[in-house]
C-alpha cells in the first residue's frame, strides 16, 4: 500500500502544479490590460484546466488516504 501513497502524492503534486499554472495565467491575463470581453474569454479558457487540476488534486489526496487506511 506504500505504492498507493506515493502514487497519490504524485497525482496531488501534479494537480497543484496545474493550479499554480492556472494562477500564473490569470495574473498574466490581468496584467495584459485586456478589455472585459477579452479577459472573460481568456478566463473561460483557463477554467476547465483549473477544474481538472482541482479534481486531480482531490483524487490524489483520496489515494493517499486510501493507502494510509489500507496500511
PDB file of N, CA and C in Angstrom:
ATOM      1  N   UNK A   1       0.808  -1.202   0.000  1.00  0.00           N
ATOM      2  CA  UNK A   1       0.000   0.000   0.000  1.00  0.00           C
ATOM      3  C   UNK A   1       0.855   1.273   0.000  1.00  0.00           C
ATOM      4  N   UNK A   2       2.129   1.099   0.271  1.00  0.00           N
ATOM      5  CA  UNK A   2       3.023   2.255   0.241  1.00  0.00           C
ATOM      6  C   UNK A   2       3.066   2.874  -1.164  1.00  0.00           C
ATOM      7  N   UNK A   3       2.990   2.001  -2.177  1.00  0.00           N
ATOM      8  CA  UNK A   3       2.994   2.493  -3.558  1.00  0.00           C
ATOM      9  C   UNK A   3       1.772   3.367  -3.835  1.00  0.00           C
ATOM     10  N   UNK A   4       0.641   3.017  -3.250  1.00  0.00           N
ATOM     11  CA  UNK A   4      -0.582   3.796  -3.419  1.00  0.00           C
ATOM     12  C   UNK A   4      -0.420   5.195  -2.814  1.00  0.00           C
ATOM     13  N   UNK A   5       0.261   5.268  -1.692  1.00  0.00           N
ATOM     14  CA  UNK A   5       0.500   6.568  -1.044  1.00  0.00           C
ATOM     15  C   UNK A   5       1.385   7.438  -1.923  1.00  0.00           C
ATOM     16  N   UNK A   6       2.461   6.848  -2.457  1.00  0.00           N
ATOM     17  CA  UNK A   6       3.367   7.625  -3.310  1.00  0.00           C
ATOM     18  C   UNK A   6       2.700   8.035  -4.620  1.00  0.00           C
ATOM     19  N   UNK A   7       1.893   7.141  -5.161  1.00  0.00           N
ATOM     20  CA  UNK A   7       1.154   7.479  -6.384  1.00  0.00           C
ATOM     21  C   UNK A   7       0.184   8.631  -6.123  1.00  0.00           C
ATOM     22  N   UNK A   8      -0.518   8.569  -4.994  1.00  0.00           N
ATOM     23  CA  UNK A   8      -1.439   9.643  -4.634  1.00  0.00           C
ATOM     24  C   UNK A   8      -0.717  10.965  -4.422  1.00  0.00           C
ATOM     25  N   UNK A   9       0.458  10.903  -3.802  1.00  0.00           N
ATOM     26  CA  UNK A   9       1.242  12.130  -3.588  1.00  0.00           C
ATOM     27  C   UNK A   9       1.685  12.731  -4.920  1.00  0.00           C
ATOM     28  N   UNK A  10       2.081  11.878  -5.855  1.00  0.00           N
ATOM     29  CA  UNK A  10       2.496  12.368  -7.171  1.00  0.00           C
ATOM     30  C   UNK A  10       1.328  12.996  -7.930  1.00  0.00           C
ATOM     31  N   UNK A  11       0.170  12.356  -7.863  1.00  0.00           N
ATOM     32  CA  UNK A  11      -1.022  12.895  -8.537  1.00  0.00           C
ATOM     33  C   UNK A  11      -1.427  14.224  -7.903  1.00  0.00           C
ATOM     34  N   UNK A  12      -1.346  14.316  -6.580  1.00  0.00           N
ATOM     35  CA  UNK A  12      -1.679  15.559  -5.896  1.00  0.00           C
ATOM     36  C   UNK A  12      -0.719  16.677  -6.285  1.00  0.00           C
ATOM     37  N   UNK A  13       0.573  16.362  -6.362  1.00  0.00           N
ATOM     38  CA  UNK A  13       1.552  17.376  -6.757  1.00  0.00           C
ATOM     39  C   UNK A  13       1.341  17.831  -8.202  1.00  0.00           C
ATOM     40  N   UNK A  14       0.947  16.908  -9.067  1.00  0.00           N
ATOM     41  CA  UNK A  14       0.648  17.289 -10.447  1.00  0.00           C
ATOM     42  C   UNK A  14      -0.550  18.238 -10.492  1.00  0.00           C
ATOM     43  N   UNK A  15      -1.569  17.959  -9.689  1.00  0.00           N
ATOM     44  CA  UNK A  15      -2.731  18.846  -9.620  1.00  0.00           C
ATOM     45  C   UNK A  15      -2.369  20.211  -9.080  1.00  0.00           C
ATOM     46  N   UNK A  16      -1.516  20.237  -8.061  1.00  0.00           N
ATOM     47  CA  UNK A  16      -1.083  21.523  -7.503  1.00  0.00           C
ATOM     48  C   UNK A  16      -0.252  22.314  -8.505  1.00  0.00           C
ATOM     49  N   UNK A  17       0.583  21.618  -9.263  1.00  0.00           N
ATOM     50  CA  UNK A  17       1.372  22.304 -10.294  1.00  0.00           C
ATOM     51  C   UNK A  17       0.456  22.933 -11.344  1.00  0.00           C
ATOM     52  N   UNK A  18      -0.586  22.219 -11.716  1.00  0.00           N
ATOM     53  CA  UNK A  18      -1.544  22.786 -12.669  1.00  0.00           C
ATOM     54  C   UNK A  18      -2.294  23.980 -12.076  1.00  0.00           C
ATOM     55  N   UNK A  19      -2.593  23.920 -10.792  1.00  0.00           N
ATOM     56  CA  UNK A  19      -3.254  25.055 -10.142  1.00  0.00           C
ATOM     57  C   UNK A  19      -2.355  26.292 -10.150  1.00  0.00           C
ATOM     58  N   UNK A  20      -1.082  26.096  -9.884  1.00  0.00           N
ATOM     59  CA  UNK A  20      -0.139  27.221  -9.926  1.00  0.00           C
ATOM     60  C   UNK A  20      -0.053  27.768 -11.342  1.00  0.00           C
ATOM     61  N   UNK A  21      -0.051  26.887 -12.333  1.00  0.00           N
ATOM     62  CA  UNK A  21      -0.020  27.324 -13.722  1.00  0.00           C
ATOM     63  C   UNK A  21      -1.255  28.171 -14.049  1.00  0.00           C
ATOM     64  N   UNK A  22      -2.422  27.739 -13.562  1.00  0.00           N
ATOM     65  CA  UNK A  22      -3.658  28.492 -13.795  1.00  0.00           C
ATOM     66  C   UNK A  22      -3.577  29.873 -13.147  1.00  0.00           C
ATOM     67  N   UNK A  23      -3.069  29.927 -11.939  1.00  0.00           N
ATOM     68  CA  UNK A  23      -2.938  31.205 -11.237  1.00  0.00           C
ATOM     69  C   UNK A  23      -2.019  32.137 -12.009  1.00  0.00           C
ATOM     70  N   UNK A  24      -0.912  31.616 -12.491  1.00  0.00           N
ATOM     71  CA  UNK A  24       0.021  32.454 -13.245  1.00  0.00           C
ATOM     72  C   UNK A  24      -0.589  32.941 -14.560  1.00  0.00           C
ATOM     73  N   UNK A  25      -1.371  32.098 -15.209  1.00  0.00           N
ATOM     74  CA  UNK A  25      -2.041  32.515 -16.446  1.00  0.00           C
ATOM     75  C   UNK A  25      -3.050  33.628 -16.189  1.00  0.00           C
ATOM     76  N   UNK A  26      -3.798  33.535 -15.091  1.00  0.00           N
ATOM     77  CA  UNK A  26      -4.780  34.570 -14.759  1.00  0.00           C
ATOM     78  C   UNK A  26      -4.068  35.873 -14.434  1.00  0.00           C
ATOM     79  N   UNK A  27      -2.989  35.805 -13.678  1.00  0.00           N
ATOM     80  CA  UNK A  27      -2.230  37.023 -13.352  1.00  0.00           C
ATOM     81  C   UNK A  27      -1.694  37.663 -14.625  1.00  0.00           C
ATOM     82  N   UNK A  28      -1.171  36.838 -15.526  1.00  0.00           N
ATOM     83  CA  UNK A  28      -0.639  37.359 -16.781  1.00  0.00           C
ATOM     84  C   UNK A  28      -1.744  37.997 -17.625  1.00  0.00           C
ATOM     85  N   UNK A  29      -2.928  37.389 -17.633  1.00  0.00           N
ATOM     86  CA  UNK A  29      -4.045  37.938 -18.404  1.00  0.00           C
ATOM     87  C   UNK A  29      -4.521  39.259 -17.807  1.00  0.00           C
ATOM     88  N   UNK A  30      -4.536  39.351 -16.485  1.00  0.00           N
ATOM     89  CA  UNK A  30      -4.969  40.604 -15.852  1.00  0.00           C
ATOM     90  C   UNK A  30      -3.983  41.737 -16.118  1.00  0.00           C
ATOM     91  N   UNK A  31      -2.701  41.423 -16.090  1.00  0.00           N
ATOM     92  CA  UNK A  31      -1.681  42.448 -16.310  1.00  0.00           C
ATOM     93  C   UNK A  31      -1.570  42.876 -17.760  1.00  0.00           C
ATOM     94  N   UNK A  32      -2.136  42.089 -18.672  1.00  0.00           N
ATOM     95  CA  UNK A  32      -2.052  42.409 -20.098  1.00  0.00           C
ATOM     96  C   UNK A  32      -2.928  43.595 -20.476  1.00  0.00           C
ATOM     97  N   UNK A  33      -3.804  44.014 -19.579  1.00  0.00           N
ATOM     98  CA  UNK A  33      -4.654  45.166 -19.866  1.00  0.00           C
ATOM     99  C   UNK A  33      -5.697  44.878 -20.926  1.00  0.00           C
ATOM    100  N   UNK A  34      -6.251  43.702 -20.918  1.00  0.00           N
ATOM    101  CA  UNK A  34      -7.261  43.320 -21.903  1.00  0.00           C
ATOM    102  C   UNK A  34      -8.593  43.981 -21.581  1.00  0.00           C
ATOM    103  N   UNK A  35      -9.432  44.062 -22.595  1.00  0.00           N
ATOM    104  CA  UNK A  35     -10.782  44.564 -22.366  1.00  0.00           C
ATOM    105  C   UNK A  35     -11.573  43.508 -21.591  1.00  0.00           C
ATOM    106  N   UNK A  36     -12.751  43.883 -21.135  1.00  0.00           N
ATOM    107  CA  UNK A  36     -13.560  42.953 -20.340  1.00  0.00           C
ATOM    108  C   UNK A  36     -13.896  41.684 -21.108  1.00  0.00           C
ATOM    109  N   UNK A  37     -14.264  41.834 -22.364  1.00  0.00           N
ATOM    110  CA  UNK A  37     -14.630  40.665 -23.163  1.00  0.00           C
ATOM    111  C   UNK A  37     -13.423  39.764 -23.421  1.00  0.00           C
ATOM    112  N   UNK A  38     -12.268  40.364 -23.698  1.00  0.00           N
ATOM    113  CA  UNK A  38     -11.062  39.572 -23.938  1.00  0.00           C
ATOM    114  C   UNK A  38     -10.609  38.864 -22.664  1.00  0.00           C
ATOM    115  N   UNK A  39     -10.713  39.563 -21.529  1.00  0.00           N
ATOM    116  CA  UNK A  39     -10.341  38.952 -20.257  1.00  0.00           C
ATOM    117  C   UNK A  39     -11.285  37.800 -19.916  1.00  0.00           C
ATOM    118  N   UNK A  40     -12.554  38.000 -20.156  1.00  0.00           N
ATOM    119  CA  UNK A  40     -13.538  36.943 -19.906  1.00  0.00           C
ATOM    120  C   UNK A  40     -13.257  35.727 -20.787  1.00  0.00           C
ATOM    121  N   UNK A  41     -12.902  35.944 -22.045  1.00  0.00           N
ATOM    122  CA  UNK A  41     -12.586  34.834 -22.951  1.00  0.00           C
ATOM    123  C   UNK A  41     -11.331  34.097 -22.480  1.00  0.00           C
ATOM    124  N   UNK A  42     -10.342  34.835 -22.016  1.00  0.00           N
ATOM    125  CA  UNK A  42      -9.118  34.197 -21.524  1.00  0.00           C
ATOM    126  C   UNK A  42      -9.403  33.367 -20.281  1.00  0.00           C
ATOM    127  N   UNK A  43     -10.224  33.890 -19.395  1.00  0.00           N
ATOM    128  CA  UNK A  43     -10.555  33.150 -18.172  1.00  0.00           C
ATOM    129  C   UNK A  43     -11.402  31.924 -18.470  1.00  0.00           C
ATOM    130  N   UNK A  44     -12.257  32.001 -19.479  1.00  0.00           N
ATOM    131  CA  UNK A  44     -13.071  30.848 -19.848  1.00  0.00           C
ATOM    132  C   UNK A  44     -12.217  29.720 -20.411  1.00  0.00           C
ATOM    133  N   UNK A  45     -11.068  30.050 -21.010  1.00  0.00           N
ATOM    134  CA  UNK A  45     -10.165  29.021 -21.500  1.00  0.00           C
ATOM    135  C   UNK A  45      -9.415  28.357 -20.349  1.00  0.00           C
ATOM    136  N   UNK A  46      -9.170  29.104 -19.280  1.00  0.00           N
ATOM    137  CA  UNK A  46      -8.412  28.585 -18.148  1.00  0.00           C
ATOM    138  C   UNK A  46      -9.301  27.778 -17.201  1.00  0.00           C
ATOM    139  N   UNK A  47     -10.568  28.091 -17.143  1.00  0.00           N
ATOM    140  CA  UNK A  47     -11.481  27.466 -16.187  1.00  0.00           C
ATOM    141  C   UNK A  47     -11.530  25.930 -16.268  1.00  0.00           C
ATOM    142  N   UNK A  48     -11.627  25.308 -17.436  1.00  0.00           N
ATOM    143  CA  UNK A  48     -11.646  23.838 -17.458  1.00  0.00           C
ATOM    144  C   UNK A  48     -10.353  23.215 -16.926  1.00  0.00           C
ATOM    145  N   UNK A  49      -9.220  23.844 -17.204  1.00  0.00           N
ATOM    146  CA  UNK A  49      -7.944  23.340 -16.689  1.00  0.00           C
ATOM    147  C   UNK A  49      -7.914  23.458 -15.177  1.00  0.00           C
ATOM    148  N   UNK A  50      -8.430  24.579 -14.656  1.00  0.00           N
ATOM    149  CA  UNK A  50      -8.477  24.791 -13.217  1.00  0.00           C
ATOM    150  C   UNK A  50      -9.360  23.739 -12.545  1.00  0.00           C
ATOM    151  N   UNK A  51     -10.504  23.470 -13.120  1.00  0.00           N
ATOM    152  CA  UNK A  51     -11.403  22.460 -12.569  1.00  0.00           C
ATOM    153  C   UNK A  51     -10.766  21.074 -12.615  1.00  0.00           C
ATOM    154  N   UNK A  52     -10.113  20.760 -13.711  1.00  0.00           N
ATOM    155  CA  UNK A  52      -9.416  19.483 -13.823  1.00  0.00           C
ATOM    156  C   UNK A  52      -8.282  19.351 -12.826  1.00  0.00           C
ATOM    157  N   UNK A  53      -7.572  20.446 -12.583  1.00  0.00           N
ATOM    158  CA  UNK A  53      -6.481  20.424 -11.610  1.00  0.00           C
ATOM    159  C   UNK A  53      -7.011  20.188 -10.203  1.00  0.00           C
ATOM    160  N   UNK A  54      -8.120  20.816  -9.872  1.00  0.00           N
ATOM    161  CA  UNK A  54      -8.728  20.586  -8.563  1.00  0.00           C
ATOM    162  C   UNK A  54      -9.177  19.129  -8.425  1.00  0.00           C
ATOM    163  N   UNK A  55      -9.769  18.590  -9.477  1.00  0.00           N
ATOM    164  CA  UNK A  55     -10.207  17.195  -9.467  1.00  0.00           C
ATOM    165  C   UNK A  55      -9.012  16.258  -9.298  1.00  0.00           C
ATOM    166  N   UNK A  56      -7.928  16.550  -9.993  1.00  0.00           N
ATOM    167  CA  UNK A  56      -6.721  15.733  -9.901  1.00  0.00           C
ATOM    168  C   UNK A  56      -6.148  15.756  -8.487  1.00  0.00           C
ATOM    169  N   UNK A  57      -6.135  16.926  -7.879  1.00  0.00           N
ATOM    170  CA  UNK A  57      -5.644  17.046  -6.509  1.00  0.00           C
ATOM    171  C   UNK A  57      -6.511  16.258  -5.537  1.00  0.00           C
ATOM    172  N   UNK A  58      -7.801  16.321  -5.712  1.00  0.00           N
ATOM    173  CA  UNK A  58      -8.714  15.588  -4.827  1.00  0.00           C
ATOM    174  C   UNK A  58      -8.528  14.083  -4.991  1.00  0.00           C
ATOM    175  N   UNK A  59      -8.409  13.623  -6.224  1.00  0.00           N
ATOM    176  CA  UNK A  59      -8.201  12.192  -6.466  1.00  0.00           C
ATOM    177  C   UNK A  59      -6.890  11.740  -5.831  1.00  0.00           C
ATOM    178  N   UNK A  60      -5.845  12.551  -5.966  1.00  0.00           N
ATOM    179  CA  UNK A  60      -4.564  12.209  -5.356  1.00  0.00           C
ATOM    180  C   UNK A  60      -4.651  12.126  -3.847  1.00  0.00           C
ATOM    181  N   UNK A  61      -5.340  13.073  -3.236  1.00  0.00           N
ATOM    182  CA  UNK A  61      -5.489  13.037  -1.785  1.00  0.00           C
ATOM    183  C   UNK A  61      -6.318  11.842  -1.343  1.00  0.00           C
ATOM    184  N   UNK A  62      -7.309  11.485  -2.142  1.00  0.00           N
ATOM    185  CA  UNK A  62      -8.107  10.300  -1.817  1.00  0.00           C
ATOM    186  C   UNK A  62      -7.251   9.036  -1.893  1.00  0.00           C
ATOM    187  N   UNK A  63      -6.346   8.976  -2.862  1.00  0.00           N
ATOM    188  CA  UNK A  63      -5.450   7.820  -2.960  1.00  0.00           C
ATOM    189  C   UNK A  63      -4.518   7.743  -1.754  1.00  0.00           C
ATOM    190  N   UNK A  64      -4.027   8.885  -1.304  1.00  0.00           N
ATOM    191  CA  UNK A  64      -3.166   8.904  -0.121  1.00  0.00           C
ATOM    192  C   UNK A  64      -3.931   8.398   1.096  1.00  0.00           C
ATOM    193  N   UNK A  65      -5.123   8.901   1.304  1.00  0.00           N
ATOM    194  CA  UNK A  65      -5.932   8.482   2.459  1.00  0.00           C
ATOM    195  C   UNK A  65      -6.254   6.993   2.350  1.00  0.00           C
ATOM    196  N   UNK A  66      -6.583   6.528   1.157  1.00  0.00           N
ATOM    197  CA  UNK A  66      -6.885   5.113   0.970  1.00  0.00           C
ATOM    198  C   UNK A  66      -5.656   4.255   1.267  1.00  0.00           C
ATOM    199  N   UNK A  67      -4.502   4.707   0.793  1.00  0.00           N
ATOM    200  CA  UNK A  67      -3.266   3.962   1.058  1.00  0.00           C
ATOM    201  C   UNK A  67      -2.939   3.907   2.541  1.00  0.00           C
ATOM    202  N   UNK A  68      -3.164   5.006   3.254  1.00  0.00           N
ATOM    203  CA  UNK A  68      -2.918   5.021   4.693  1.00  0.00           C
ATOM    204  C   UNK A  68      -3.922   4.124   5.418  1.00  0.00           C
ATOM    205  N   UNK A  69      -5.173   4.156   5.000  1.00  0.00           N
ATOM    206  CA  UNK A  69      -6.201   3.359   5.654  1.00  0.00           C
ATOM    207  C   UNK A  69      -5.965   1.863   5.450  1.00  0.00           C
ATOM    208  N   UNK A  70      -5.443   1.499   4.281  1.00  0.00           N
ATOM    209  CA  UNK A  70      -5.216   0.085   3.990  1.00  0.00           C
ATOM    210  C   UNK A  70      -3.883  -0.434   4.522  1.00  0.00           C
ATOM    211  N   UNK A  71      -3.033   0.452   4.989  1.00  0.00           N
ATOM    212  CA  UNK A  71      -1.730   0.036   5.525  1.00  0.00           C
ATOM    213  C   UNK A  71      -1.852  -0.617   6.864  1.00  0.00           C
TER     214      UNK A  71
END
